[in-house]
Amino acid sequence: MNGLLHPDAGLVDAATGERLAGREFAARVADLAALLDAEPPGLVFATAATEVDPVLRILAAWQANRPVALLDPQITPAVLGDLVERFRPALLLNHPTPVDGFRPASAGLGTAWRALAPAGDPLHPDLGLLLTTSGSTGNPKLVRLSRSAVHANAAAIAGALGLDGDEVAPTTLPLHYTYGLSVLTSHLHVGATVLLERGGLTSRDFWTAADRYGVTSLAAVPYQYEMLRRLRFAPARYPRLRTLTQAGGRLHPDLVADFHGRMAEVGGRFFVMYGQTEATARMTVLPADRLPAKLGSVGLPVPGGALSIRTDDGAETTEPDRVGEILYRGPNVMMGYAETAADLARPDELGGVLATGDLGRLDAEGFLFVTGRIKRIAKVFGVRVNLDDVERSLGHHGPVAAVAGADRLVVVVEGDDDPDRLARIRAEVASTLGTHSSGVQVRGVDALPLTPTGKPDYRVLEAQC
């Protein structure tokens, strides 16, 4: 995607110490893009490992205007085989071994495989990026994003967070995950440095690298903030680290207030954000200086975006405190979904309007408060129960997930399985819902199962009910 890579942008591998910046960085990408131009046309699949060479190949594919589907480096052979069969890519980048029907591509491309018989399926000229839907397992559909959507969202995020070329941002999240990818694109867009780090927030190596390379910000999802609290994270230990961002699900207000306070004590900032893969990455940002006054809000639309609420009667409004489905408008909205190669030729089907599937309300200043998910519903003795509301009400118990059982509510709490504790939580839930406790099951687990993007894996939990 021409223009995504600022002339001053930098890339550093924390494990090897390899550094690329400025002209050298641009030249490496341009050389790979030229090799990709010589390959048969068509869709590119790329596993998105947080290493220099894989990232360079992805950037080169964008520069060569090749639509790229980013995949989990840990993708199973079965899922990869299904995606190859359905979408018929011309190239497979970064995967350590070929799959059936592929042979080595140009030697200069490194770990790259060319389809033996490229299908030559038509691709829409605006198509730039394909991402699996959040939390997808099995046979995922892909989100179709235009090149302009990726550019627009990178610029909007950079503007909302005040990013500049002095920033150093580590890869705390997978690059095939929309939030993790947006850290890469927004920082490269402004000429900042991205630190490729694979150890994770609980690794001593991560914090050593953060200190060595002068990390200025961290992006994390709720479970990572739970970990940081347990690690007794103290921003004063890292003089250049002055920005924290949070997305990827609801963070309990107590933790929002906690981390806002920690950062404010050292003159830093804590940003709460809200986004979806279908909007490239992020749709709203809560300005750091509006905490704690706007505690519980996910903020205002990113530059170029707009919000409204669709109420039960189908009307669309921006009136304060009207609850309904959140609608988002902006240049970062997807073109639509794809389930097969034939869908890759389809035009923009949404016209920049995304019905999020989330419930929420706006306040008098236009700040958004997300209140739940339309389809996250259980029935207890025939009464509809919003599962997100249940989780919010139990947030003080630590990590918790609520799923629908057979005419009952199942609550899974992280931590010990002390019968007295579980009984108290069960009674609390029943009292809150005004129902009999026999309609509620509570069980404890050592740790909630998580998707690769750090969200509760509700499919696993539902299968265990």
Protein backbone atom coordinates (compact mmCIF):
# COMPACT_ATOMS: atom_id res chain seq x y z
CA MET A 1 0.00 0.00 0.00
CA ASN A 2 1.93 2.95 -1.29
CA GLY A 3 2.25 5.73 1.27
CA LEU A 4 1.78 3.50 4.31
CA LEU A 5 5.53 3.42 4.97
CA HIS A 6 6.81 6.85 6.07
CA PRO A 7 10.36 7.66 4.84
CA ASP A 8 11.60 7.80 8.45
CA ALA A 9 9.86 4.65 9.71
CA GLY A 10 11.89 2.04 11.53
CA LEU A 11 11.75 -1.64 12.41
CA VAL A 12 13.76 -3.38 15.14
CA ASP A 13 13.89 -7.08 16.02
CA ALA A 14 14.30 -7.33 19.78
CA ALA A 15 15.60 -10.91 19.60
CA THR A 16 18.33 -10.38 17.01
CA GLY A 17 19.01 -6.64 17.30
CA GLU A 18 18.46 -6.17 13.55
CA ARG A 19 17.47 -2.60 12.72
CA LEU A 20 16.02 -1.12 9.57
CA ALA A 21 15.12 2.52 9.09
CA GLY A 22 14.77 5.22 6.47
CA ARG A 23 16.17 4.50 3.03
CA GLU A 24 17.46 1.05 3.90
CA PHE A 25 14.04 0.00 5.17
CA ALA A 26 12.31 1.42 2.09
CA ALA A 27 14.83 -0.22 -0.25
CA ARG A 28 14.36 -3.67 1.29
CA VAL A 29 10.59 -3.37 0.88
CA ALA A 30 10.92 -2.06 -2.70
CA ASP A 31 13.23 -4.92 -3.72
CA LEU A 32 10.79 -7.51 -2.43
CA ALA A 33 7.88 -5.68 -4.08
CA ALA A 34 9.68 -5.91 -7.43
CA LEU A 35 10.07 -9.67 -7.00
CA LEU A 36 6.39 -9.98 -6.12
CA ASP A 37 5.50 -8.04 -9.27
CA ALA A 38 7.17 -10.80 -11.27
CA GLU A 39 5.04 -13.51 -9.66
CA PRO A 40 1.69 -14.59 -11.12
CA PRO A 41 -1.10 -12.17 -10.20
CA GLY A 42 -3.64 -13.00 -7.54
CA LEU A 43 -4.31 -13.10 -3.85
CA VAL A 44 -1.45 -13.41 -1.35
CA PHE A 45 -1.73 -15.42 1.86
CA ALA A 46 0.80 -14.38 4.53
CA THR A 47 1.29 -15.74 8.00
CA ALA A 48 2.11 -12.75 10.19
CA ALA A 49 5.02 -13.70 12.43
CA THR A 50 6.58 -10.85 14.44
CA GLU A 51 9.97 -11.10 12.74
CA VAL A 52 11.71 -8.77 10.31
CA ASP A 53 11.58 -10.85 7.13
CA PRO A 54 7.88 -11.81 7.38
CA VAL A 55 6.92 -8.19 8.07
CA LEU A 56 9.01 -6.99 5.12
CA ARG A 57 7.25 -9.45 2.80
CA ILE A 58 3.83 -8.25 3.96
CA LEU A 59 4.76 -4.60 3.46
CA ALA A 60 6.19 -5.47 0.03
CA ALA A 61 2.98 -7.21 -1.01
CA TRP A 62 1.03 -4.09 -0.06
CA GLN A 63 3.49 -1.90 -1.95
CA ALA A 64 3.04 -4.13 -4.99
CA ASN A 65 -0.74 -3.61 -4.66
CA ARG A 66 -1.29 -7.29 -3.98
CA PRO A 67 -4.30 -8.01 -1.73
CA VAL A 68 -3.02 -9.82 1.36
CA ALA A 69 -4.86 -12.16 3.71
CA LEU A 70 -3.04 -12.14 7.07
CA LEU A 71 -3.09 -15.44 8.92
CA ASP A 72 -2.12 -16.74 12.34
CA PRO A 73 1.45 -18.13 12.28
CA GLN A 74 0.10 -21.04 14.36
CA ILE A 75 -2.65 -21.84 11.84
CA THR A 76 -3.43 -25.54 11.70
CA PRO A 77 -2.91 -27.47 8.45
CA ALA A 78 -6.64 -28.21 8.31
CA VAL A 79 -7.69 -24.55 8.57
CA LEU A 80 -5.01 -23.43 6.12
CA GLY A 81 -6.02 -26.15 3.68
CA ASP A 82 -9.66 -25.05 3.87
CA LEU A 83 -8.74 -21.41 3.25
CA VAL A 84 -6.52 -22.34 0.30
CA GLU A 85 -9.32 -24.40 -1.21
CA ARG A 86 -11.90 -21.65 -0.78
CA PHE A 87 -9.83 -18.61 -1.77
CA ARG A 88 -7.20 -20.06 -4.16
CA PRO A 89 -4.25 -17.75 -3.39
CA ALA A 90 -1.49 -17.28 -5.94
CA LEU A 91 1.21 -17.00 -3.26
CA LEU A 92 1.80 -18.20 0.28
CA LEU A 93 4.31 -16.09 2.21
CA ASN A 94 6.13 -16.77 5.49
CA HIS A 95 4.80 -20.29 6.02
CA PRO A 96 7.73 -22.57 6.92
CA THR A 97 6.58 -25.45 4.71
CA PRO A 98 4.58 -25.60 1.47
CA VAL A 99 1.08 -27.00 1.26
CA ASP A 100 -0.26 -29.24 -1.47
CA GLY A 101 -0.33 -27.49 -4.82
CA PHE A 102 2.52 -25.04 -4.12
CA ARG A 103 6.21 -24.91 -5.05
CA PRO A 104 9.01 -22.47 -4.13
CA ALA A 105 8.61 -18.93 -5.49
CA SER A 106 11.45 -16.62 -6.61
CA ALA A 107 14.58 -17.32 -4.58
CA GLY A 108 14.91 -13.71 -3.46
CA LEU A 109 11.55 -13.85 -1.69
CA GLY A 110 12.82 -16.30 0.91
CA THR A 111 10.05 -18.28 2.57
CA ALA A 112 7.51 -17.99 -0.23
CA TRP A 113 5.49 -20.51 -2.19
CA ARG A 114 3.82 -20.18 -5.59
CA ALA A 115 0.62 -21.99 -6.54
CA LEU A 116 1.22 -24.62 -9.21
CA ALA A 117 -1.97 -23.64 -10.98
CA PRO A 118 -3.05 -20.09 -10.00
CA ALA A 119 -6.79 -19.82 -10.44
CA GLY A 120 -6.66 -16.30 -11.83
CA ASP A 121 -9.79 -15.31 -9.94
CA PRO A 122 -10.77 -11.66 -10.47
CA LEU A 123 -10.01 -9.32 -7.57
CA HIS A 124 -11.66 -5.98 -6.94
CA PRO A 125 -9.12 -3.23 -7.70
CA ASP A 126 -9.72 -1.55 -4.31
CA LEU A 127 -9.15 -4.71 -2.28
CA GLY A 128 -6.06 -4.45 -0.06
CA LEU A 129 -6.38 -6.55 3.07
CA LEU A 130 -8.27 -9.59 4.30
CA LEU A 131 -8.55 -10.48 7.98
CA THR A 132 -10.31 -13.33 9.71
CA THR A 133 -13.24 -12.26 11.83
CA SER A 134 -12.41 -11.74 15.49
CA GLY A 135 -12.21 -15.00 17.40
CA SER A 136 -12.75 -17.09 14.25
CA THR A 137 -12.14 -20.82 14.43
CA GLY A 138 -12.98 -23.64 12.11
CA ASN A 139 -13.86 -22.23 8.68
CA PRO A 140 -13.64 -18.45 9.10
CA LYS A 141 -15.01 -15.89 6.73
CA LEU A 142 -12.75 -13.01 5.79
CA VAL A 143 -13.27 -9.29 6.22
CA ARG A 144 -12.63 -7.42 2.96
CA LEU A 145 -10.82 -4.12 3.53
CA SER A 146 -9.83 -1.60 0.91
CA ARG A 147 -6.41 -0.02 0.68
CA SER A 148 -7.96 3.34 1.45
CA ALA A 149 -9.60 1.92 4.62
CA VAL A 150 -6.23 0.76 5.96
CA HIS A 151 -4.64 4.14 5.17
CA ALA A 152 -7.54 6.08 6.67
CA ASN A 153 -7.57 4.13 9.90
CA ALA A 154 -3.79 4.30 10.33
CA ALA A 155 -3.95 8.09 9.94
CA ALA A 156 -7.01 8.41 12.20
CA ILE A 157 -5.43 6.39 15.02
CA ALA A 158 -2.19 8.31 14.73
CA GLY A 159 -4.11 11.57 14.96
CA ALA A 160 -6.30 10.51 17.88
CA LEU A 161 -3.29 9.33 19.90
CA GLY A 162 -0.97 12.15 18.86
CA LEU A 163 1.67 9.79 17.42
CA ASP A 164 4.88 11.14 15.90
CA GLY A 165 8.26 9.91 14.71
CA ASP A 166 9.73 9.71 18.22
CA GLU A 167 7.44 6.83 19.23
CA VAL A 168 8.74 3.30 19.81
CA ALA A 169 5.93 0.72 19.97
CA PRO A 170 6.42 -2.98 20.71
CA THR A 171 4.36 -5.81 19.24
CA THR A 172 2.41 -6.86 22.31
CA LEU A 173 -0.37 -8.40 20.18
CA PRO A 174 -0.43 -10.69 17.12
CA LEU A 175 -0.08 -8.90 13.79
CA HIS A 176 -2.89 -10.91 12.19
CA TYR A 177 -5.20 -9.44 14.87
CA THR A 178 -6.67 -6.11 13.81
CA TYR A 179 -5.58 -4.29 17.00
CA GLY A 180 -2.02 -5.59 16.77
CA LEU A 181 -1.85 -4.78 13.06
CA SER A 182 -3.10 -1.23 13.67
CA VAL A 183 -0.17 -0.62 16.03
CA LEU A 184 2.17 -1.51 13.17
CA THR A 185 0.39 0.53 10.48
CA SER A 186 -0.29 3.65 12.57
CA HIS A 187 3.31 3.89 13.77
CA LEU A 188 4.90 3.22 10.37
CA HIS A 189 2.53 5.83 8.92
CA VAL A 190 4.07 8.61 11.07
CA GLY A 191 7.70 7.52 10.78
CA ALA A 192 7.91 5.91 14.22
CA THR A 193 9.74 2.71 15.17
CA VAL A 194 8.06 -0.65 15.71
CA LEU A 195 9.87 -3.08 18.01
CA LEU A 196 9.23 -6.69 17.03
CA GLU A 197 9.05 -8.50 20.36
CA ARG A 198 7.85 -12.05 20.82
CA GLY A 199 8.26 -12.70 24.54
CA GLY A 200 5.03 -11.20 25.85
CA LEU A 201 4.32 -9.00 28.85
CA THR A 202 5.15 -11.67 31.41
CA SER A 203 8.60 -12.25 29.94
CA ARG A 204 11.71 -10.74 31.51
CA ASP A 205 13.09 -10.37 27.98
CA PHE A 206 10.18 -8.12 27.03
CA TRP A 207 10.87 -5.61 29.79
CA THR A 208 14.61 -5.75 29.13
CA ALA A 209 13.89 -4.88 25.49
CA ALA A 210 11.43 -2.16 26.53
CA ASP A 211 14.18 -0.53 28.57
CA ARG A 212 16.95 -1.06 26.01
CA TYR A 213 15.02 0.38 23.06
CA GLY A 214 13.14 3.12 24.93
CA VAL A 215 9.60 1.88 24.39
CA THR A 216 7.13 4.79 24.58
CA SER A 217 3.78 2.95 24.52
CA LEU A 218 2.07 -0.37 25.14
CA ALA A 219 -1.10 -1.69 23.50
CA ALA A 220 -2.96 -4.36 25.45
CA VAL A 221 -6.27 -6.18 25.79
CA PRO A 222 -8.14 -6.73 29.07
CA TYR A 223 -6.50 -9.99 30.12
CA GLN A 224 -3.07 -8.39 29.64
CA TYR A 225 -4.03 -5.56 32.00
CA GLU A 226 -5.04 -8.20 34.53
CA MET A 227 -1.53 -9.62 34.14
CA LEU A 228 0.10 -6.21 34.47
CA ARG A 229 -1.77 -5.63 37.70
CA ARG A 230 -0.55 -8.95 39.06
CA LEU A 231 2.99 -8.04 37.97
CA ARG A 232 2.64 -4.78 39.93
CA PHE A 233 3.41 -2.75 36.82
CA ALA A 234 5.04 0.55 37.72
CA PRO A 235 5.48 2.97 34.79
CA ALA A 236 8.04 5.00 36.73
CA ARG A 237 10.55 2.20 36.06
CA TYR A 238 10.44 3.01 32.35
CA PRO A 239 11.02 6.75 31.86
CA ARG A 240 10.06 6.80 28.16
CA LEU A 241 6.92 4.68 28.56
CA ARG A 242 4.18 7.26 28.84
CA THR A 243 1.23 5.91 26.82
CA LEU A 244 -0.97 2.87 27.38
CA THR A 245 -3.83 1.93 25.06
CA GLN A 246 -6.60 -0.61 25.64
CA ALA A 247 -9.05 -2.25 23.25
CA GLY A 248 -10.14 -5.79 22.44
CA GLY A 249 -13.07 -5.95 24.86
CA ARG A 250 -14.37 -4.29 27.97
CA LEU A 251 -11.89 -3.52 30.73
CA HIS A 252 -13.51 -3.30 34.16
CA PRO A 253 -13.87 0.36 35.22
CA ASP A 254 -11.84 -0.30 38.38
CA LEU A 255 -8.89 -1.34 36.22
CA VAL A 256 -9.39 1.63 33.89
CA ALA A 257 -9.25 3.96 36.90
CA ASP A 258 -6.26 2.06 38.29
CA PHE A 259 -4.12 2.29 35.16
CA HIS A 260 -5.22 5.85 34.44
CA GLY A 261 -3.99 6.73 37.92
CA ARG A 262 -0.69 4.94 37.48
CA MET A 263 0.01 6.77 34.23
CA ALA A 264 -1.21 10.17 35.48
CA GLU A 265 1.23 9.96 38.41
CA VAL A 266 4.16 10.01 35.95
CA GLY A 267 2.62 12.45 33.48
CA GLY A 268 1.53 9.69 31.15
CA ARG A 269 -1.69 8.83 29.34
CA PHE A 270 -4.14 5.93 29.31
CA PHE A 271 -6.46 5.58 26.30
CA VAL A 272 -9.54 3.36 26.15
CA MET A 273 -10.60 2.44 22.62
CA TYR A 274 -13.31 0.51 20.82
CA GLY A 275 -13.02 -1.20 17.48
CA GLN A 276 -13.88 -4.12 15.26
CA THR A 277 -12.11 -5.99 12.48
CA GLU A 278 -14.97 -4.86 10.23
CA ALA A 279 -13.84 -1.25 10.73
CA THR A 280 -10.17 -2.06 9.98
CA ALA A 281 -9.30 -1.57 13.65
CA ARG A 282 -10.52 1.23 15.87
CA MET A 283 -13.66 3.36 15.73
CA THR A 284 -13.43 5.40 18.94
CA VAL A 285 -10.83 6.71 21.35
CA LEU A 286 -11.46 8.10 24.84
CA PRO A 287 -9.11 11.08 25.29
CA ALA A 288 -6.85 10.42 28.26
CA ASP A 289 -7.68 13.79 29.81
CA ARG A 290 -11.38 12.86 30.04
CA LEU A 291 -10.67 10.22 32.67
CA PRO A 292 -11.91 9.65 35.29
CA ALA A 293 -14.89 11.86 34.43
CA LYS A 294 -15.93 9.59 31.54
CA LEU A 295 -15.19 6.29 33.26
CA GLY A 296 -17.06 3.51 31.46
CA SER A 297 -17.04 5.25 28.08
CA VAL A 298 -15.06 4.14 25.03
CA GLY A 299 -14.81 7.70 23.79
CA LEU A 300 -15.49 9.70 20.66
CA PRO A 301 -15.22 8.66 16.99
CA VAL A 302 -11.74 8.69 15.47
CA PRO A 303 -11.18 11.53 12.98
CA GLY A 304 -13.41 10.98 9.95
CA GLY A 305 -15.85 8.73 11.82
CA ALA A 306 -19.37 9.25 13.17
CA LEU A 307 -21.67 7.36 15.54
CA SER A 308 -25.40 6.92 15.87
CA ILE A 309 -27.79 4.56 17.63
CA ARG A 310 -30.48 2.44 15.97
CA THR A 311 -33.33 1.88 18.39
CA ASP A 312 -35.72 -1.09 18.51
CA ASP A 313 -38.18 0.65 16.20
CA GLY A 314 -35.50 0.99 13.50
CA ALA A 315 -35.05 4.74 13.95
CA GLU A 316 -31.55 6.19 13.93
CA THR A 317 -30.67 8.82 16.50
CA THR A 318 -27.86 10.68 18.21
CA GLU A 319 -30.03 11.76 21.12
CA PRO A 320 -28.38 11.12 24.49
CA ASP A 321 -29.18 8.00 26.52
CA ARG A 322 -31.11 6.20 23.78
CA VAL A 323 -30.01 2.54 23.87
CA GLY A 324 -29.81 0.50 20.68
CA GLU A 325 -27.44 -0.95 18.13
CA ILE A 326 -24.31 1.10 17.57
CA LEU A 327 -23.91 2.31 13.97
CA TYR A 328 -20.55 3.59 12.79
CA ARG A 329 -19.79 5.58 9.63
CA GLY A 330 -16.31 6.16 8.32
CA PRO A 331 -13.77 5.54 5.57
CA ASN A 332 -12.33 2.59 7.53
CA VAL A 333 -15.49 0.44 7.22
CA MET A 334 -15.01 -2.85 5.36
CA MET A 335 -16.23 -3.55 1.85
CA GLY A 336 -18.03 -6.67 3.11
CA TYR A 337 -17.30 -10.32 3.92
CA ALA A 338 -15.83 -13.05 1.76
CA GLU A 339 -16.47 -16.77 2.05
CA THR A 340 -15.01 -17.90 -1.28
CA ALA A 341 -12.73 -16.58 -4.01
CA ALA A 342 -15.76 -15.37 -5.98
CA ASP A 343 -16.47 -12.80 -3.24
CA LEU A 344 -13.09 -11.12 -3.76
CA ALA A 345 -14.38 -9.40 -6.90
CA ARG A 346 -17.40 -7.93 -5.16
CA PRO A 347 -17.60 -4.12 -4.77
CA ASP A 348 -18.08 -2.18 -1.57
CA GLU A 349 -21.40 -3.43 -0.18
CA LEU A 350 -21.68 -1.26 2.95
CA GLY A 351 -21.03 2.26 1.68
CA GLY A 352 -19.07 3.17 4.79
CA VAL A 353 -21.84 2.23 7.26
CA LEU A 354 -21.26 -0.55 9.79
CA ALA A 355 -23.99 -2.04 11.95
CA THR A 356 -21.74 -3.23 14.76
CA GLY A 357 -24.00 -5.75 16.46
CA ASP A 358 -23.14 -4.05 19.75
CA LEU A 359 -25.59 -2.27 22.00
CA GLY A 360 -24.79 1.15 23.38
CA ARG A 361 -25.77 4.73 24.06
CA LEU A 362 -24.35 8.20 23.54
CA ASP A 363 -24.19 10.81 26.26
CA ALA A 364 -24.92 14.52 25.86
CA GLU A 365 -21.36 15.16 24.60
CA GLY A 366 -21.44 12.31 22.10
CA PHE A 367 -19.28 9.92 24.13
CA LEU A 368 -20.11 6.28 23.48
CA PHE A 369 -20.93 3.74 26.19
CA VAL A 370 -21.07 0.11 25.03
CA THR A 371 -23.66 -1.83 27.01
CA GLY A 372 -23.67 -5.29 25.46
CA ARG A 373 -23.82 -7.50 22.41
CA ILE A 374 -27.09 -8.11 20.57
CA LYS A 375 -26.59 -11.86 20.26
CA ARG A 376 -24.98 -12.45 23.67
CA ILE A 377 -28.27 -13.62 25.17
CA ALA A 378 -29.23 -16.57 27.37
CA LYS A 379 -32.65 -17.70 28.56
CA VAL A 380 -33.22 -18.62 32.19
CA PHE A 381 -36.67 -20.09 32.81
CA GLY A 382 -37.73 -18.42 29.54
CA VAL A 383 -36.48 -14.97 30.52
CA ARG A 384 -33.86 -13.32 28.26
CA VAL A 385 -30.60 -12.45 30.03
CA ASN A 386 -27.87 -10.24 28.57
CA LEU A 387 -24.63 -12.17 29.14
CA ASP A 388 -22.49 -9.05 28.91
CA ASP A 389 -24.52 -7.45 31.69
CA VAL A 390 -23.88 -10.51 33.85
CA GLU A 391 -20.13 -10.32 33.24
CA ARG A 392 -20.08 -6.61 34.05
CA SER A 393 -21.93 -7.16 37.32
CA LEU A 394 -19.38 -9.78 38.37
CA GLY A 395 -16.24 -7.91 37.35
CA HIS A 396 -15.20 -7.40 40.96
CA HIS A 397 -14.63 -11.17 41.21
CA GLY A 398 -11.82 -11.05 38.62
CA PRO A 399 -11.84 -12.63 35.14
CA VAL A 400 -15.27 -14.12 34.49
CA ALA A 401 -17.24 -15.38 31.49
CA ALA A 402 -20.96 -16.02 31.11
CA VAL A 403 -22.42 -18.41 28.53
CA ALA A 404 -25.82 -19.91 27.77
CA GLY A 405 -26.59 -23.45 28.91
CA ALA A 406 -29.79 -25.43 28.45
CA ASP A 407 -32.37 -23.01 29.92
CA ARG A 408 -29.80 -21.87 32.44
CA LEU A 409 -26.97 -19.44 32.83
CA VAL A 410 -23.43 -20.77 33.23
CA VAL A 411 -20.84 -18.52 34.86
CA VAL A 412 -17.17 -19.50 34.74
CA VAL A 413 -14.86 -17.69 37.14
CA GLU A 414 -11.10 -17.73 37.15
CA GLY A 415 -9.34 -18.70 40.36
CA ASP A 416 -9.89 -21.29 43.05
CA ASP A 417 -12.99 -23.49 43.03
CA ASP A 418 -13.80 -23.02 46.70
CA PRO A 419 -17.43 -24.20 47.06
CA ASP A 420 -18.33 -21.34 49.40
CA ARG A 421 -17.01 -18.74 46.96
CA LEU A 422 -18.86 -20.30 44.05
CA ALA A 423 -22.06 -20.49 46.10
CA ARG A 424 -21.80 -16.79 47.00
CA ILE A 425 -21.35 -15.86 43.34
CA ARG A 426 -24.30 -18.04 42.38
CA ALA A 427 -26.51 -16.37 44.95
CA GLU A 428 -25.33 -12.94 43.81
CA VAL A 429 -26.19 -13.70 40.18
CA ALA A 430 -29.61 -15.12 41.07
CA SER A 431 -30.40 -12.09 43.22
CA THR A 432 -29.30 -9.65 40.52
CA LEU A 433 -31.45 -11.40 37.91
CA GLY A 434 -34.38 -11.95 40.27
CA THR A 435 -34.46 -15.64 39.47
CA HIS A 436 -34.11 -18.92 41.37
CA SER A 437 -30.55 -20.08 41.93
CA SER A 438 -31.31 -23.40 40.24
CA GLY A 439 -31.20 -21.52 36.93
CA VAL A 440 -27.58 -20.52 37.53
CA GLN A 441 -24.48 -22.72 37.47
CA VAL A 442 -21.13 -21.33 38.63
CA ARG A 443 -17.86 -23.17 38.25
CA GLY A 444 -14.23 -22.26 38.75
CA VAL A 445 -11.26 -22.78 36.44
CA ASP A 446 -7.55 -22.14 36.84
CA ALA A 447 -7.64 -19.86 33.79
CA LEU A 448 -10.32 -18.93 31.28
CA PRO A 449 -9.71 -20.30 27.78
CA LEU A 450 -8.73 -17.44 25.48
CA THR A 451 -8.76 -16.89 21.75
CA PRO A 452 -5.43 -15.97 20.09
CA THR A 453 -6.47 -12.32 20.47
CA GLY A 454 -6.90 -12.58 24.24
CA LYS A 455 -10.70 -12.65 24.46
CA PRO A 456 -12.68 -15.34 26.32
CA ASP A 457 -13.15 -18.31 24.03
CA TYR A 458 -16.91 -18.65 24.33
CA ARG A 459 -17.04 -21.54 21.87
CA VAL A 460 -14.82 -23.65 24.11
CA LEU A 461 -16.84 -22.68 27.18
CA GLU A 462 -20.16 -23.41 25.48
CA ALA A 463 -18.89 -26.84 24.42
CA GLN A 464 -18.15 -27.60 28.07
CA CYS A 465 -21.66 -26.72 29.28
